[in-house]
């Protein structure tokens, strides 16, 4: 995914929150769900089985070239269905 880059904030967030880069690319490449936020950023969501089935949200600004990963976090508002 050469046309998507990390912002400095997103890279720092990934390190601070111990989110594996592979999880970020998996979420963007094969999301369980996508949403467009009020700010027109695209939100990619994916369940990460190896992180207790938590849902990773990766926010990408697709309105710039190259596209930029703005931030990412495990979304506590969303719960997995059991």
C-alpha atoms as a PDB file:
ATOM      1  CA  UNK A   1       0.000   0.000   0.000  1.00  0.00           C
ATOM      2  CA  UNK A   2       2.547   2.475  -1.203  1.00  0.00           C
ATOM      3  CA  UNK A   3      -0.035   5.238  -1.668  1.00  0.00           C
ATOM      4  CA  UNK A   4      -0.746   5.460   2.093  1.00  0.00           C
ATOM      5  CA  UNK A   5       1.699   6.950   4.602  1.00  0.00           C
ATOM      6  CA  UNK A   6       1.744   7.425   8.368  1.00  0.00           C
ATOM      7  CA  UNK A   7       1.548  10.922   9.825  1.00  0.00           C
ATOM      8  CA  UNK A   8       4.040  11.606  12.607  1.00  0.00           C
ATOM      9  CA  UNK A   9       1.149  11.495  15.081  1.00  0.00           C
ATOM     10  CA  UNK A  10      -0.119   8.153  13.775  1.00  0.00           C
ATOM     11  CA  UNK A  11       3.335   6.575  13.950  1.00  0.00           C
ATOM     12  CA  UNK A  12       3.840   7.805  17.516  1.00  0.00           C
ATOM     13  CA  UNK A  13       0.361   6.584  18.476  1.00  0.00           C
ATOM     14  CA  UNK A  14       1.090   3.142  17.053  1.00  0.00           C
ATOM     15  CA  UNK A  15       4.266   2.888  19.140  1.00  0.00           C
ATOM     16  CA  UNK A  16       2.687   4.251  22.344  1.00  0.00           C
ATOM     17  CA  UNK A  17      -0.320   1.950  22.139  1.00  0.00           C
ATOM     18  CA  UNK A  18       1.738  -1.062  21.039  1.00  0.00           C
ATOM     19  CA  UNK A  19      -0.359  -1.533  17.913  1.00  0.00           C
ATOM     20  CA  UNK A  20       1.467  -3.731  15.434  1.00  0.00           C
ATOM     21  CA  UNK A  21       1.991  -2.208  12.011  1.00  0.00           C
ATOM     22  CA  UNK A  22       0.804  -5.469  10.444  1.00  0.00           C
ATOM     23  CA  UNK A  23      -2.567  -4.994  12.197  1.00  0.00           C
ATOM     24  CA  UNK A  24      -2.867  -1.504  10.709  1.00  0.00           C
ATOM     25  CA  UNK A  25      -2.214  -2.752   7.160  1.00  0.00           C
ATOM     26  CA  UNK A  26      -4.562  -5.719   7.672  1.00  0.00           C
ATOM     27  CA  UNK A  27      -7.309  -3.355   8.860  1.00  0.00           C
ATOM     28  CA  UNK A  28      -6.899  -1.044   5.871  1.00  0.00           C
ATOM     29  CA  UNK A  29      -6.477  -3.864   3.356  1.00  0.00           C
ATOM     30  CA  UNK A  30      -9.313  -6.066   4.540  1.00  0.00           C
ATOM     31  CA  UNK A  31     -11.630  -4.166   6.891  1.00  0.00           C
ATOM     32  CA  UNK A  32     -14.663  -5.731   8.522  1.00  0.00           C
ATOM     33  CA  UNK A  33     -16.370  -2.367   8.081  1.00  0.00           C
ATOM     34  CA  UNK A  34     -15.726   1.132   6.707  1.00  0.00           C
ATOM     35  CA  UNK A  35     -17.287   4.425   7.723  1.00  0.00           C
ATOM     36  CA  UNK A  36     -16.871   7.984   6.494  1.00  0.00           C
ATOM     37  CA  UNK A  37     -16.633  10.421   9.384  1.00  0.00           C
ATOM     38  CA  UNK A  38     -18.035  13.935   9.584  1.00  0.00           C
ATOM     39  CA  UNK A  39     -14.529  15.197   8.748  1.00  0.00           C
ATOM     40  CA  UNK A  40     -14.593  13.131   5.513  1.00  0.00           C
ATOM     41  CA  UNK A  41     -11.869  10.803   6.799  1.00  0.00           C
ATOM     42  CA  UNK A  42     -12.368   7.102   6.157  1.00  0.00           C
ATOM     43  CA  UNK A  43     -12.514   4.870   9.241  1.00  0.00           C
ATOM     44  CA  UNK A  44     -11.461   1.253   8.734  1.00  0.00           C
ATOM     45  CA  UNK A  45     -12.526  -1.222  11.433  1.00  0.00           C
ATOM     46  CA  UNK A  46     -11.308  -4.760  11.960  1.00  0.00           C
ATOM     47  CA  UNK A  47     -11.442  -7.322  14.753  1.00  0.00           C
ATOM     48  CA  UNK A  48      -7.925  -8.337  15.782  1.00  0.00           C
ATOM     49  CA  UNK A  49      -8.160 -11.942  17.057  1.00  0.00           C
ATOM     50  CA  UNK A  50      -4.684 -11.969  18.583  1.00  0.00           C
ATOM     51  CA  UNK A  51      -5.518  -8.890  20.696  1.00  0.00           C
ATOM     52  CA  UNK A  52      -8.454 -10.358  22.596  1.00  0.00           C
ATOM     53  CA  UNK A  53     -10.852  -9.881  19.643  1.00  0.00           C
ATOM     54  CA  UNK A  54     -10.769  -6.111  20.133  1.00  0.00           C
ATOM     55  CA  UNK A  55     -11.764  -3.819  17.265  1.00  0.00           C
ATOM     56  CA  UNK A  56      -9.049  -1.674  15.733  1.00  0.00           C
ATOM     57  CA  UNK A  57     -10.115   1.620  14.164  1.00  0.00           C
ATOM     58  CA  UNK A  58      -7.681   3.154  11.654  1.00  0.00           C
ATOM     59  CA  UNK A  59      -8.520   6.649  10.405  1.00  0.00           C
ATOM     60  CA  UNK A  60      -7.221   7.588   6.942  1.00  0.00           C
ATOM     61  CA  UNK A  61      -7.412  10.942   5.174  1.00  0.00           C
ATOM     62  CA  UNK A  62      -8.137   9.936   1.575  1.00  0.00           C
ATOM     63  CA  UNK A  63      -8.530  13.553   0.455  1.00  0.00           C
ATOM     64  CA  UNK A  64      -4.771  14.102   0.097  1.00  0.00           C
ATOM     65  CA  UNK A  65      -2.048  12.451  -1.968  1.00  0.00           C
ATOM     66  CA  UNK A  66      -0.557  10.313  -0.712  1.00  0.00           C
ATOM     67  CA  UNK A  67      -3.380   9.187   1.578  1.00  0.00           C
ATOM     68  CA  UNK A  68      -2.430   9.606   5.233  1.00  0.00           C
ATOM     69  CA  UNK A  69      -3.060   7.428   8.260  1.00  0.00           C
ATOM     70  CA  UNK A  70      -4.190  10.011  10.812  1.00  0.00           C
ATOM     71  CA  UNK A  71      -4.591   7.872  13.926  1.00  0.00           C
ATOM     72  CA  UNK A  72      -5.544   4.431  15.175  1.00  0.00           C
ATOM     73  CA  UNK A  73      -6.962   2.982  18.371  1.00  0.00           C
ATOM     74  CA  UNK A  74      -8.822   0.031  19.792  1.00  0.00           C
ATOM     75  CA  UNK A  75     -12.395   1.311  19.874  1.00  0.00           C
ATOM     76  CA  UNK A  76     -13.848   0.656  23.316  1.00  0.00           C
ATOM     77  CA  UNK A  77     -17.254   1.902  22.169  1.00  0.00           C
ATOM     78  CA  UNK A  78     -17.544  -1.136  19.921  1.00  0.00           C
ATOM     79  CA  UNK A  79     -17.842  -4.524  21.502  1.00  0.00           C
ATOM     80  CA  UNK A  80     -17.400  -7.855  19.827  1.00  0.00           C
ATOM     81  CA  UNK A  81     -20.482 -10.030  19.578  1.00  0.00           C
ATOM     82  CA  UNK A  82     -20.346 -13.322  21.435  1.00  0.00           C
END
